[in-house]
């Protein structure tokens, strides 16, 4: 008896995925819980394990296809790989069944655009009214097709010119034709689902928020001296290396407590203040930028932050981040300094209202006590949503982070 392989639950607000890579081919022997294929969602890449042992008798969804929740991916037959050949004909005879399954999967994938019996979410209803938009004109991505705030934002950003856009796009190519001599040397690669989502979210953030960036610089000597003095005993006691991120995260949480607007977000005509600090850490991976979240970072010690950051960074590199690891962030830190960046203006991680950019530590001449001295300096950049955060609050926030880092004892004493 064949065992079906279906798309598992992908996480909150995720209703479809793209087939990444099949690790097995038809006829291969598989063991229960062995990874069979990779699914790419808007947020993370998920491995789908084998639901039973046997032989992979059929692959229904091919690499690059988009599938909905519960869609049929393939089937596992009984027996070892050697028995795959005799089983081929029965599988062919049963071909109509998978074919019949495919429209169901297509219907599932298309279902979000169908009219929903669910009323729009309260925040979405407000935005619909404010923008004179009908819920019927917006594709809902929530449970049972419910229209969410993000769906309305996306529709408004399109200016609801969608009906005219396809005709215009049909007339004009996506890009100009390549030079005949250059065309053979070009390589066209389809964007991964994660990269498409990154591109859309960053552009949406620019289009929606009134984004502004303020800069400052911090003398890293005190933190570097403290780290040098205690790094060995710290690692021996806590089993993790003492890096800079623990200090920066604590400095940020202290500043967020004093300037709550930087830790808030806009929901329609409401301001939502978060009485907790879930700090996202932007991590570059081979497949793109991901932002795992350190939850309740304000309640953690520097050692606890370093341990959790180490776990999340390893999971990001291994592609094993869970949906829970990626959700709920209230503020983000990004560190371009690890790649050598001296200064940049980070883009907000919507719907958050603030993101801190760290940069390369570089020895520079500065004036201290009337004397020119060489100090390890770092430029800091805070991008913020000016709709909710005023300039005074943004500058004060960055100054508080600077003060904490230049006098790290404040972090230990919670000052």
Protein backbone atom coordinates (compact mmCIF):
# COMPACT_ATOMS: atom_id res chain seq x y z
CA UNK A 1 0.00 0.00 0.00
CA UNK A 2 1.38 3.41 -1.03
CA UNK A 3 2.03 6.17 1.50
CA UNK A 4 1.35 9.71 0.35
CA UNK A 5 3.88 12.51 0.82
CA UNK A 6 2.06 15.80 1.37
CA UNK A 7 2.97 19.42 2.13
CA UNK A 8 3.15 19.83 5.93
CA UNK A 9 1.93 22.81 7.94
CA UNK A 10 4.26 25.65 7.00
CA UNK A 11 3.62 28.08 9.82
CA UNK A 12 1.43 31.06 10.60
CA UNK A 13 0.31 33.09 7.54
CA UNK A 14 2.24 30.83 5.12
CA UNK A 15 -0.12 29.10 2.69
CA UNK A 16 2.13 27.91 -0.11
CA UNK A 17 5.70 26.90 -0.93
CA UNK A 18 7.95 26.21 -3.89
CA UNK A 19 9.57 22.83 -4.47
CA UNK A 20 13.30 23.36 -4.02
CA UNK A 21 15.30 20.16 -4.41
CA UNK A 22 14.30 16.50 -4.36
CA UNK A 23 17.02 14.54 -2.56
CA UNK A 24 15.71 11.23 -3.92
CA UNK A 25 14.57 10.03 -7.32
CA UNK A 26 11.89 7.53 -8.29
CA UNK A 27 13.00 4.01 -7.41
CA UNK A 28 15.29 5.04 -4.54
CA UNK A 29 14.93 3.34 -1.19
CA UNK A 30 13.95 5.69 1.62
CA UNK A 31 13.85 5.33 5.39
CA UNK A 32 11.22 6.82 7.67
CA UNK A 33 12.07 10.42 8.72
CA UNK A 34 14.82 10.65 6.10
CA UNK A 35 14.76 14.06 4.30
CA UNK A 36 13.10 13.65 0.90
CA UNK A 37 12.89 17.17 -0.47
CA UNK A 38 13.24 20.84 0.33
CA UNK A 39 10.39 23.36 0.35
CA UNK A 40 11.09 27.08 0.02
CA UNK A 41 8.59 29.39 1.73
CA UNK A 42 8.51 33.17 2.04
CA UNK A 43 10.48 32.96 5.27
CA UNK A 44 12.45 29.73 5.64
CA UNK A 45 13.48 26.58 3.82
CA UNK A 46 11.90 23.39 5.20
CA UNK A 47 12.96 19.78 4.72
CA UNK A 48 10.11 17.30 4.29
CA UNK A 49 10.89 13.92 5.93
CA UNK A 50 9.69 10.55 4.62
CA UNK A 51 6.45 9.54 6.39
CA UNK A 52 7.35 5.84 6.04
CA UNK A 53 10.07 3.48 4.84
CA UNK A 54 9.92 1.94 1.38
CA UNK A 55 10.60 2.94 -2.20
CA UNK A 56 9.90 6.35 -3.72
CA UNK A 57 7.41 5.21 -6.36
CA UNK A 58 6.27 8.58 -7.71
CA UNK A 59 7.13 12.28 -7.71
CA UNK A 60 4.02 14.37 -8.38
CA UNK A 61 5.33 17.92 -7.74
CA UNK A 62 8.46 18.76 -9.67
CA UNK A 63 11.24 21.16 -8.68
CA UNK A 64 10.21 24.80 -9.14
CA UNK A 65 6.45 24.14 -8.83
CA UNK A 66 4.34 26.06 -6.31
CA UNK A 67 2.20 23.92 -4.01
CA UNK A 68 -0.41 24.67 -1.35
CA UNK A 69 -0.89 23.26 2.15
CA UNK A 70 -1.64 19.53 2.09
CA UNK A 71 -0.86 19.18 -1.64
CA UNK A 72 0.38 15.78 -2.84
CA UNK A 73 4.13 15.75 -3.44
CA UNK A 74 4.74 12.08 -4.18
CA UNK A 75 4.20 8.54 -2.98
CA UNK A 76 6.23 5.87 -1.21
CA UNK A 77 5.59 2.24 -2.14
CA UNK A 78 6.36 -0.82 -0.06
CA UNK A 79 9.57 -2.81 -0.42
CA UNK A 80 13.20 -2.00 -1.16
CA UNK A 81 14.60 -0.15 -4.14
CA UNK A 82 15.11 -3.40 -6.03
CA UNK A 83 11.36 -3.92 -6.10
CA UNK A 84 10.79 -0.60 -7.83
CA UNK A 85 10.92 -2.02 -11.38
CA UNK A 86 8.08 -4.56 -11.00
CA UNK A 87 6.02 -1.89 -9.27
CA UNK A 88 6.40 0.48 -12.22
CA UNK A 89 3.43 -0.82 -14.23
CA UNK A 90 0.92 -0.73 -11.40
CA UNK A 91 2.09 2.82 -10.74
CA UNK A 92 1.51 3.67 -14.39
CA UNK A 93 -1.91 2.04 -14.25
CA UNK A 94 -2.74 4.16 -11.24
CA UNK A 95 -1.60 7.31 -13.03
CA UNK A 96 -5.11 8.78 -13.32
CA UNK A 97 -5.35 9.02 -9.52
CA UNK A 98 -2.37 11.42 -9.16
CA UNK A 99 -3.71 13.34 -12.16
CA UNK A 100 -6.99 13.71 -10.36
CA UNK A 101 -5.14 14.85 -7.28
CA UNK A 102 -3.38 17.65 -9.09
CA UNK A 103 -6.47 19.83 -9.73
CA UNK A 104 -7.19 19.57 -6.00
CA UNK A 105 -3.70 20.81 -5.23
CA UNK A 106 -4.10 23.58 -7.80
CA UNK A 107 -7.40 24.52 -6.23
CA UNK A 108 -5.72 24.70 -2.84
CA UNK A 109 -3.01 26.95 -4.19
CA UNK A 110 -5.60 29.15 -5.86
CA UNK A 111 -7.95 29.21 -2.88
CA UNK A 112 -6.46 32.33 -1.24
CA UNK A 113 -7.76 34.43 -4.14
CA UNK A 114 -11.28 33.04 -3.84
CA UNK A 115 -13.86 35.16 -1.99
CA UNK A 116 -13.70 34.54 1.74
CA UNK A 117 -16.57 34.19 4.16
CA UNK A 118 -14.25 35.58 6.84
CA UNK A 119 -14.57 39.33 7.47
CA UNK A 120 -11.34 41.35 7.11
CA UNK A 121 -9.14 41.67 10.19
CA UNK A 122 -9.95 44.86 12.20
CA UNK A 123 -6.75 46.64 11.14
CA UNK A 124 -7.33 45.60 7.53
CA UNK A 125 -10.94 46.85 7.66
CA UNK A 126 -9.71 50.27 8.83
CA UNK A 127 -7.21 50.50 6.01
CA UNK A 128 -9.80 49.37 3.47
CA UNK A 129 -12.14 52.15 4.58
CA UNK A 130 -9.38 54.77 4.65
CA UNK A 131 -8.26 53.91 1.13
CA UNK A 132 -11.71 53.39 -0.35
CA UNK A 133 -10.88 49.81 -1.26
CA UNK A 134 -13.32 46.88 -1.33
CA UNK A 135 -12.32 43.68 0.46
CA UNK A 136 -13.40 41.80 -2.66
CA UNK A 137 -10.59 43.46 -4.61
CA UNK A 138 -7.90 42.23 -2.20
CA UNK A 139 -6.54 38.69 -2.08
CA UNK A 140 -6.53 37.53 1.54
CA UNK A 141 -3.56 35.54 2.84
CA UNK A 142 -4.99 34.77 6.28
CA UNK A 143 -6.76 31.66 7.46
CA UNK A 144 -9.68 30.76 5.18
CA UNK A 145 -8.74 33.65 2.90
CA UNK A 146 -9.16 36.40 5.50
CA UNK A 147 -7.85 39.79 4.36
CA UNK A 148 -5.02 40.97 6.63
CA UNK A 149 -3.36 44.35 7.05
CA UNK A 150 -0.38 43.30 4.92
CA UNK A 151 -2.70 42.33 2.06
CA UNK A 152 -4.26 45.80 2.06
CA UNK A 153 -0.84 47.48 2.23
CA UNK A 154 0.31 45.45 -0.78
CA UNK A 155 -2.86 46.36 -2.70
CA UNK A 156 -2.53 50.07 -1.85
CA UNK A 157 1.15 50.03 -2.83
CA UNK A 158 0.07 48.69 -6.19
CA UNK A 159 -2.29 51.66 -6.30
CA UNK A 160 -5.00 49.18 -7.27
CA UNK A 161 -3.78 49.76 -10.81
CA UNK A 162 -3.48 46.02 -11.13
CA UNK A 163 -6.16 45.71 -13.85
CA UNK A 164 -4.24 48.09 -16.12
CA UNK A 165 -0.81 46.78 -15.25
CA UNK A 166 -1.00 43.36 -17.01
CA UNK A 167 -1.88 44.99 -20.32
CA UNK A 168 1.02 47.40 -19.98
CA UNK A 169 3.37 44.61 -18.98
CA UNK A 170 2.20 42.54 -21.93
CA UNK A 171 3.22 45.32 -24.32
CA UNK A 172 6.58 46.10 -22.74
CA UNK A 173 9.31 43.53 -21.99
CA UNK A 174 10.64 43.21 -18.45
CA UNK A 175 13.98 44.50 -19.68
CA UNK A 176 15.57 45.64 -22.88
CA UNK A 177 16.96 43.05 -25.30
CA UNK A 178 20.56 42.01 -24.76
CA UNK A 179 23.24 42.81 -27.25
CA UNK A 180 23.49 39.89 -29.66
CA UNK A 181 27.15 39.41 -28.80
CA UNK A 182 26.44 39.40 -25.04
CA UNK A 183 23.34 37.19 -24.98
CA UNK A 184 25.21 33.84 -25.19
CA UNK A 185 27.32 34.88 -22.21
CA UNK A 186 24.37 35.68 -19.94
CA UNK A 187 22.90 33.25 -17.45
CA UNK A 188 19.25 33.54 -16.44
CA UNK A 189 18.41 32.02 -13.05
CA UNK A 190 14.94 32.07 -11.48
CA UNK A 191 14.82 33.94 -8.18
CA UNK A 192 14.23 31.74 -5.18
CA UNK A 193 11.03 32.30 -3.26
CA UNK A 194 13.05 33.68 -0.34
CA UNK A 195 14.86 36.18 -2.58
CA UNK A 196 11.55 37.29 -4.15
CA UNK A 197 10.10 37.84 -0.69
CA UNK A 198 13.18 39.79 0.46
CA UNK A 199 12.93 42.03 -2.61
CA UNK A 200 9.20 42.65 -2.13
CA UNK A 201 9.41 43.33 1.62
CA UNK A 202 12.32 45.76 1.30
CA UNK A 203 10.62 47.67 -1.51
CA UNK A 204 7.32 47.71 0.41
CA UNK A 205 9.16 49.13 3.43
CA UNK A 206 10.59 51.95 1.30
CA UNK A 207 7.21 52.68 -0.26
CA UNK A 208 5.22 52.61 2.99
CA UNK A 209 7.39 54.06 5.77
CA UNK A 210 8.69 57.61 6.03
CA UNK A 211 12.20 56.26 6.43
CA UNK A 212 15.04 58.41 7.71
CA UNK A 213 18.53 57.53 8.99
CA UNK A 214 20.58 59.20 11.72
CA UNK A 215 24.25 58.47 12.38
CA UNK A 216 26.71 58.53 15.25
CA UNK A 217 30.02 56.93 16.12
CA UNK A 218 31.11 54.96 19.16
CA UNK A 219 34.51 54.49 20.73
CA UNK A 220 34.80 50.70 21.10
CA UNK A 221 37.90 50.75 23.34
CA UNK A 222 36.05 50.12 26.63
CA UNK A 223 34.10 47.16 25.22
CA UNK A 224 37.20 45.72 23.52
CA UNK A 225 39.26 46.04 26.70
CA UNK A 226 36.51 44.37 28.76
CA UNK A 227 36.19 41.59 26.19
CA UNK A 228 39.95 41.00 26.11
CA UNK A 229 40.12 40.87 29.90
CA UNK A 230 37.28 38.41 30.44
CA UNK A 231 36.84 36.44 27.19
CA UNK A 232 38.72 33.35 28.40
CA UNK A 233 37.00 33.06 31.77
CA UNK A 234 33.66 33.92 30.11
CA UNK A 235 33.99 31.09 27.59
CA UNK A 236 35.14 28.67 30.27
CA UNK A 237 32.11 29.41 32.47
CA UNK A 238 29.38 29.79 29.86
CA UNK A 239 30.65 27.58 27.04
CA UNK A 240 30.27 30.34 24.45
CA UNK A 241 32.59 33.03 23.12
CA UNK A 242 32.14 36.63 24.25
CA UNK A 243 31.43 38.67 21.12
CA UNK A 244 30.23 42.21 20.50
CA UNK A 245 26.61 41.34 19.78
CA UNK A 246 25.79 40.66 23.41
CA UNK A 247 26.87 44.18 24.35
CA UNK A 248 25.01 45.77 21.43
CA UNK A 249 21.83 43.83 22.14
CA UNK A 250 21.83 44.87 25.82
CA UNK A 251 22.57 48.48 24.86
CA UNK A 252 19.65 48.41 22.41
CA UNK A 253 17.17 46.92 24.91
CA UNK A 254 18.12 49.57 27.49
CA UNK A 255 17.52 52.32 24.92
CA UNK A 256 14.23 50.77 23.78
CA UNK A 257 12.92 50.88 27.34
CA UNK A 258 13.64 54.61 27.48
CA UNK A 259 12.37 55.37 23.95
CA UNK A 260 9.36 53.04 23.46
CA UNK A 261 8.35 54.62 20.13
CA UNK A 262 11.37 52.97 18.49
CA UNK A 263 9.99 49.63 19.69
CA UNK A 264 6.46 50.29 18.42
CA UNK A 265 4.62 49.88 15.12
CA UNK A 266 1.74 51.45 13.22
CA UNK A 267 -1.44 49.44 12.72
CA UNK A 268 -3.88 51.46 10.63
CA UNK A 269 -4.57 54.56 12.72
CA UNK A 270 -3.31 52.96 15.93
CA UNK A 271 0.16 52.93 17.49
CA UNK A 272 1.05 49.57 19.03
CA UNK A 273 3.64 49.85 21.80
CA UNK A 274 5.49 46.63 22.67
CA UNK A 275 6.28 46.14 26.35
CA UNK A 276 8.88 43.54 25.44
CA UNK A 277 12.00 43.43 23.28
CA UNK A 278 12.22 40.70 20.64
CA UNK A 279 15.43 41.64 18.82
CA UNK A 280 15.97 40.37 15.28
CA UNK A 281 19.51 39.67 14.09
CA UNK A 282 20.03 39.95 10.34
CA UNK A 283 22.11 36.95 9.18
CA UNK A 284 23.44 36.49 5.65
CA UNK A 285 23.20 32.93 4.28
CA UNK A 286 23.90 31.29 0.93
CA UNK A 287 20.18 31.53 0.14
CA UNK A 288 19.66 35.12 1.21
CA UNK A 289 19.13 37.34 4.22
CA UNK A 290 17.17 35.94 7.15
CA UNK A 291 16.31 37.64 10.46
CA UNK A 292 16.00 35.17 13.37
CA UNK A 293 14.67 36.69 16.58
CA UNK A 294 16.05 36.66 20.13
CA UNK A 295 12.85 36.72 22.16
CA UNK A 296 12.68 38.73 25.40
CA UNK A 297 16.26 39.88 24.94
CA UNK A 298 15.67 42.57 27.58
CA UNK A 299 15.31 39.83 30.21
CA UNK A 300 18.51 38.02 29.23
CA UNK A 301 22.08 38.34 30.42
CA UNK A 302 24.88 38.91 27.93
CA UNK A 303 25.81 35.24 28.25
CA UNK A 304 22.24 34.11 27.49
CA UNK A 305 22.10 36.42 24.47
CA UNK A 306 25.39 35.06 23.11
CA UNK A 307 24.17 31.46 23.54
CA UNK A 308 20.86 32.12 21.78
CA UNK A 309 22.57 34.09 19.02
CA UNK A 310 25.00 31.21 18.48
CA UNK A 311 22.11 28.76 18.19
CA UNK A 312 20.19 30.92 15.74
CA UNK A 313 23.24 31.70 13.60
CA UNK A 314 24.09 28.00 13.30
CA UNK A 315 20.48 27.14 12.43
CA UNK A 316 20.48 29.89 9.78
CA UNK A 317 23.66 28.53 8.17
CA UNK A 318 22.33 24.96 8.29
CA UNK A 319 18.94 25.96 6.91
CA UNK A 320 17.17 24.58 9.98
CA UNK A 321 15.51 27.75 11.31
CA UNK A 322 11.92 27.16 12.38
CA UNK A 323 9.05 29.54 11.72
CA UNK A 324 8.98 30.34 15.45
CA UNK A 325 12.63 31.49 15.21
CA UNK A 326 11.66 34.08 12.58
CA UNK A 327 8.51 35.67 13.96
CA UNK A 328 7.61 38.45 16.37
CA UNK A 329 10.62 40.76 16.14
CA UNK A 330 10.12 44.32 17.43
CA UNK A 331 13.53 45.79 16.47
CA UNK A 332 16.40 44.60 14.25
CA UNK A 333 20.20 44.80 14.37
CA UNK A 334 22.25 44.29 11.21
CA UNK A 335 26.04 44.05 11.16
CA UNK A 336 27.60 45.01 7.85
CA UNK A 337 30.95 45.38 9.60
CA UNK A 338 31.62 41.64 9.34
CA UNK A 339 31.86 42.15 5.57
CA UNK A 340 33.97 45.32 5.84
CA UNK A 341 31.24 47.97 5.49
CA UNK A 342 32.33 51.32 6.93
CA UNK A 343 28.90 52.99 6.72
CA UNK A 344 25.47 52.23 5.31
CA UNK A 345 21.78 53.13 5.69
CA UNK A 346 19.83 49.97 6.61
CA UNK A 347 16.26 49.46 5.35
CA UNK A 348 13.51 48.91 7.92
CA UNK A 349 12.27 45.39 8.59
CA UNK A 350 8.54 46.20 8.32
CA UNK A 351 6.37 46.63 10.30
CA UNK A 352 9.13 47.50 12.79
CA UNK A 353 9.95 51.18 13.30
CA UNK A 354 13.70 50.93 13.87
CA UNK A 355 16.81 49.07 12.71
CA UNK A 356 20.39 49.58 13.96
CA UNK A 357 23.28 49.20 11.55
CA UNK A 358 26.69 48.21 12.95
CA UNK A 359 29.83 48.69 10.89
CA UNK A 360 33.55 47.97 10.72
CA UNK A 361 35.71 48.88 13.72
CA UNK A 362 38.50 51.07 12.40
CA UNK A 363 41.36 52.87 14.16
CA UNK A 364 40.90 56.62 13.67
CA UNK A 365 42.32 59.79 15.22
CA UNK A 366 39.88 61.40 17.65
CA UNK A 367 40.12 64.11 20.26
CA UNK A 368 39.94 62.91 23.88
CA UNK A 369 40.53 65.38 26.69
CA UNK A 370 42.00 67.93 24.30
CA UNK A 371 44.52 65.41 22.91
CA UNK A 372 44.49 63.66 19.53
CA UNK A 373 44.60 59.91 20.13
CA UNK A 374 44.02 56.79 18.03
CA UNK A 375 40.88 54.87 19.03
CA UNK A 376 38.93 51.91 17.59
CA UNK A 377 35.85 53.66 16.24
CA UNK A 378 32.61 52.33 14.74
CA UNK A 379 29.93 54.23 12.84
CA UNK A 380 26.37 53.44 13.91
CA UNK A 381 23.28 54.06 11.78
CA UNK A 382 19.69 54.06 13.00
CA UNK A 383 17.03 53.96 10.30
CA UNK A 384 13.58 54.74 11.67
CA UNK A 385 10.00 55.35 10.57
CA UNK A 386 9.48 59.10 10.92
CA UNK A 387 5.70 58.58 11.01
CA UNK A 388 6.01 57.29 14.57
CA UNK A 389 9.53 58.23 15.71
CA UNK A 390 10.51 61.89 15.91
CA UNK A 391 14.04 63.07 15.22
CA UNK A 392 14.63 63.87 18.88
CA UNK A 393 13.69 60.32 19.92
CA UNK A 394 15.84 58.75 17.19
CA UNK A 395 18.93 60.79 18.04
CA UNK A 396 18.43 60.21 21.78
CA UNK A 397 18.09 56.47 21.18
CA UNK A 398 21.39 56.34 19.27
CA UNK A 399 23.14 58.47 21.91
CA UNK A 400 21.93 56.08 24.65
CA UNK A 401 23.35 53.11 22.72
CA UNK A 402 26.64 54.99 22.32
CA UNK A 403 26.79 55.87 26.03
CA UNK A 404 26.17 52.27 27.10
CA UNK A 405 28.88 50.90 24.81
CA UNK A 406 31.46 53.51 25.81
CA UNK A 407 30.75 52.76 29.48
CA UNK A 408 29.81 49.03 29.46
CA UNK A 409 29.60 48.88 33.25
CA UNK A 410 26.22 50.62 32.78
CA UNK A 411 24.96 47.46 31.07
CA UNK A 412 26.00 45.26 33.98
CA UNK A 413 24.53 47.64 36.55
CA UNK A 414 21.36 48.19 34.47
CA UNK A 415 21.86 51.96 34.37
